[in-house]
C-alpha atoms as a PDB file:
ATOM      1  CA  MET A   1       0.000   0.000   0.000  1.00  0.00           C
ATOM      2  CA  ILE A   2       1.360   3.413  -0.927  1.00  0.00           C
ATOM      3  CA  LYS A   3       0.588   6.358   1.283  1.00  0.00           C
ATOM      4  CA  GLY A   4       0.397   9.865  -0.068  1.00  0.00           C
ATOM      5  CA  ILE A   5       3.381  11.298   1.759  1.00  0.00           C
ATOM      6  CA  GLY A   6       5.186  14.103   0.044  1.00  0.00           C
ATOM      7  CA  LYS A   7       8.820  14.703   0.917  1.00  0.00           C
ATOM      8  CA  ARG A   8      11.143  17.356  -0.362  1.00  0.00           C
ATOM      9  CA  VAL A   9      14.205  15.704  -1.829  1.00  0.00           C
ATOM     10  CA  VAL A  10      17.439  17.165  -3.144  1.00  0.00           C
ATOM     11  CA  VAL A  11      19.291  14.883  -5.555  1.00  0.00           C
ATOM     12  CA  LEU A  12      22.844  15.841  -6.451  1.00  0.00           C
ATOM     13  CA  THR A  13      24.180  14.184  -9.591  1.00  0.00           C
ATOM     14  CA  ASP A  14      27.812  14.435 -10.650  1.00  0.00           C
ATOM     15  CA  PRO A  15      28.650  12.640 -13.906  1.00  0.00           C
ATOM     16  CA  ASN A  16      32.362  13.411 -13.411  1.00  0.00           C
ATOM     17  CA  SER A  17      32.637  11.506 -10.125  1.00  0.00           C
ATOM     18  CA  LYS A  18      34.455   8.181 -10.353  1.00  0.00           C
ATOM     19  CA  ILE A  19      32.940   6.942  -7.089  1.00  0.00           C
ATOM     20  CA  TYR A  20      29.426   8.293  -6.632  1.00  0.00           C
ATOM     21  CA  GLU A  21      26.587   8.577  -9.078  1.00  0.00           C
ATOM     22  CA  GLN A  22      24.204  10.537  -6.840  1.00  0.00           C
ATOM     23  CA  ALA A  23      23.859  11.980  -3.369  1.00  0.00           C
ATOM     24  CA  ILE A  24      20.309  12.166  -2.049  1.00  0.00           C
ATOM     25  CA  PHE A  25      19.197  14.434   0.786  1.00  0.00           C
ATOM     26  CA  ILE A  26      15.671  14.301   2.196  1.00  0.00           C
ATOM     27  CA  LEU A  27      14.655  17.601   3.759  1.00  0.00           C
ATOM     28  CA  ARG A  28      13.050  17.680   7.189  1.00  0.00           C
ATOM     29  CA  GLN A  29       9.261  17.910   7.300  1.00  0.00           C
ATOM     30  CA  ASP A  30       9.226  20.022  10.455  1.00  0.00           C
ATOM     31  CA  ARG A  31      11.241  22.839   8.809  1.00  0.00           C
ATOM     32  CA  PRO A  32       9.288  24.128   5.810  1.00  0.00           C
ATOM     33  CA  ASP A  33      11.191  27.434   5.936  1.00  0.00           C
ATOM     34  CA  ILE A  34      14.563  26.017   4.867  1.00  0.00           C
ATOM     35  CA  PRO A  35      16.016  28.295   2.199  1.00  0.00           C
ATOM     36  CA  CYS A  36      17.748  26.798  -0.831  1.00  0.00           C
ATOM     37  CA  ASP A  37      20.973  28.736  -0.544  1.00  0.00           C
ATOM     38  CA  ARG A  38      24.541  28.422   0.701  1.00  0.00           C
ATOM     39  CA  SER A  39      23.417  27.311   4.178  1.00  0.00           C
ATOM     40  CA  MET A  40      21.896  24.156   2.665  1.00  0.00           C
ATOM     41  CA  LEU A  41      25.178  23.364   0.905  1.00  0.00           C
ATOM     42  CA  ASP A  42      27.164  24.023   4.094  1.00  0.00           C
ATOM     43  CA  GLU A  43      24.926  21.653   6.038  1.00  0.00           C
ATOM     44  CA  ALA A  44      25.298  18.935   3.381  1.00  0.00           C
ATOM     45  CA  GLU A  45      29.100  19.305   3.478  1.00  0.00           C
ATOM     46  CA  ARG A  46      29.051  19.113   7.278  1.00  0.00           C
ATOM     47  CA  ILE A  47      27.023  15.890   7.210  1.00  0.00           C
ATOM     48  CA  ILE A  48      29.288  14.324   4.577  1.00  0.00           C
ATOM     49  CA  ASN A  49      32.469  15.317   6.423  1.00  0.00           C
ATOM     50  CA  THR A  50      31.099  13.985   9.709  1.00  0.00           C
ATOM     51  CA  HIS A  51      30.198  10.672   8.081  1.00  0.00           C
ATOM     52  CA  ILE A  52      33.558  10.309   6.353  1.00  0.00           C
ATOM     53  CA  PHE A  53      35.452  11.145   9.546  1.00  0.00           C
ATOM     54  CA  ALA A  54      33.340   8.729  11.609  1.00  0.00           C
ATOM     55  CA  SER A  55      33.816   5.856   9.149  1.00  0.00           C
ATOM     56  CA  ALA A  56      37.567   6.530   8.906  1.00  0.00           C
ATOM     57  CA  MET A  57      37.908   6.470  12.698  1.00  0.00           C
ATOM     58  CA  ARG A  58      35.981   3.195  13.053  1.00  0.00           C
ATOM     59  CA  PRO A  59      38.453   0.508  14.141  1.00  0.00           C
ATOM     60  CA  ARG A  60      39.070  -2.111  11.544  1.00  0.00           C
ATOM     61  CA  ARG A  61      38.919  -5.732  12.591  1.00  0.00           C
ATOM     62  CA  ARG A  62      42.317  -7.306  12.295  1.00  0.00           C
ATOM     63  CA  ARG A  63      42.765 -10.961  11.603  1.00  0.00           C
ATOM     64  CA  GLN A  64      44.811 -12.808  14.144  1.00  0.00           C
ATOM     65  CA  PRO A  65      47.767 -14.545  12.506  1.00  0.00           C
ATOM     66  CA  TRP A  66      47.418 -17.639  14.698  1.00  0.00           C
ATOM     67  CA  LEU A  67      47.778 -20.275  11.969  1.00  0.00           C
ATOM     68  CA  PRO A  68      51.237 -19.218  10.699  1.00  0.00           C
ATOM     69  CA  VAL A  69      52.435 -18.803  14.289  1.00  0.00           C
ATOM     70  CA  LEU A  70      51.158 -22.280  15.161  1.00  0.00           C
ATOM     71  CA  ILE A  71      52.865 -23.868  12.136  1.00  0.00           C
ATOM     72  CA  ILE A  72      56.160 -22.115  12.850  1.00  0.00           C
ATOM     73  CA  SER A  73      56.015 -23.103  16.532  1.00  0.00           C
ATOM     74  CA  ILE A  74      55.395 -26.764  15.733  1.00  0.00           C
ATOM     75  CA  THR A  75      58.166 -26.775  13.129  1.00  0.00           C
ATOM     76  CA  VAL A  76      60.692 -25.192  15.493  1.00  0.00           C
ATOM     77  CA  SER A  77      59.696 -27.580  18.287  1.00  0.00           C
ATOM     78  CA  LEU A  78      60.166 -30.598  16.017  1.00  0.00           C
ATOM     79  CA  LEU A  79      63.535 -29.339  14.767  1.00  0.00           C
ATOM     80  CA  VAL A  80      64.768 -28.728  18.319  1.00  0.00           C
ATOM     81  CA  GLY A  81      63.494 -32.150  19.445  1.00  0.00           C
ATOM     82  CA  VAL A  82      65.143 -33.960  16.537  1.00  0.00           C
ATOM     83  CA  SER A  83      68.439 -32.092  16.999  1.00  0.00           C
ATOM     84  CA  VAL A  84      68.478 -32.880  20.755  1.00  0.00           C
ATOM     85  CA  LEU A  85      67.767 -36.562  19.997  1.00  0.00           C
ATOM     86  CA  ILE A  86      70.545 -36.723  17.381  1.00  0.00           C
ATOM     87  CA  PHE A  87      72.982 -34.945  19.709  1.00  0.00           C
ATOM     88  CA  ALA A  88      72.131 -37.360  22.559  1.00  0.00           C
ATOM     89  CA  LEU A  89      72.774 -40.396  20.355  1.00  0.00           C
ATOM     90  CA  LEU A  90      76.252 -39.194  19.321  1.00  0.00           C
END
């Protein structure tokens, strides 16, 4: 079912961008007096910069290199054990 809700939308399209096709901003319903001027652009830039900064500061999950460490540890242990056994037999 589709309701008859009207929203004011600003769609920014940049054909020269290699990353983004469009940026879509939905204007608040409770502020019908928002002027379409430089303040709207400043607010859009602020939101974008806040989002980019927040996503860049998000800690990335690092993989634990436990498998290579385990293989190296077992190999070194076997080599030391074999060399001690050979040295004891001589």
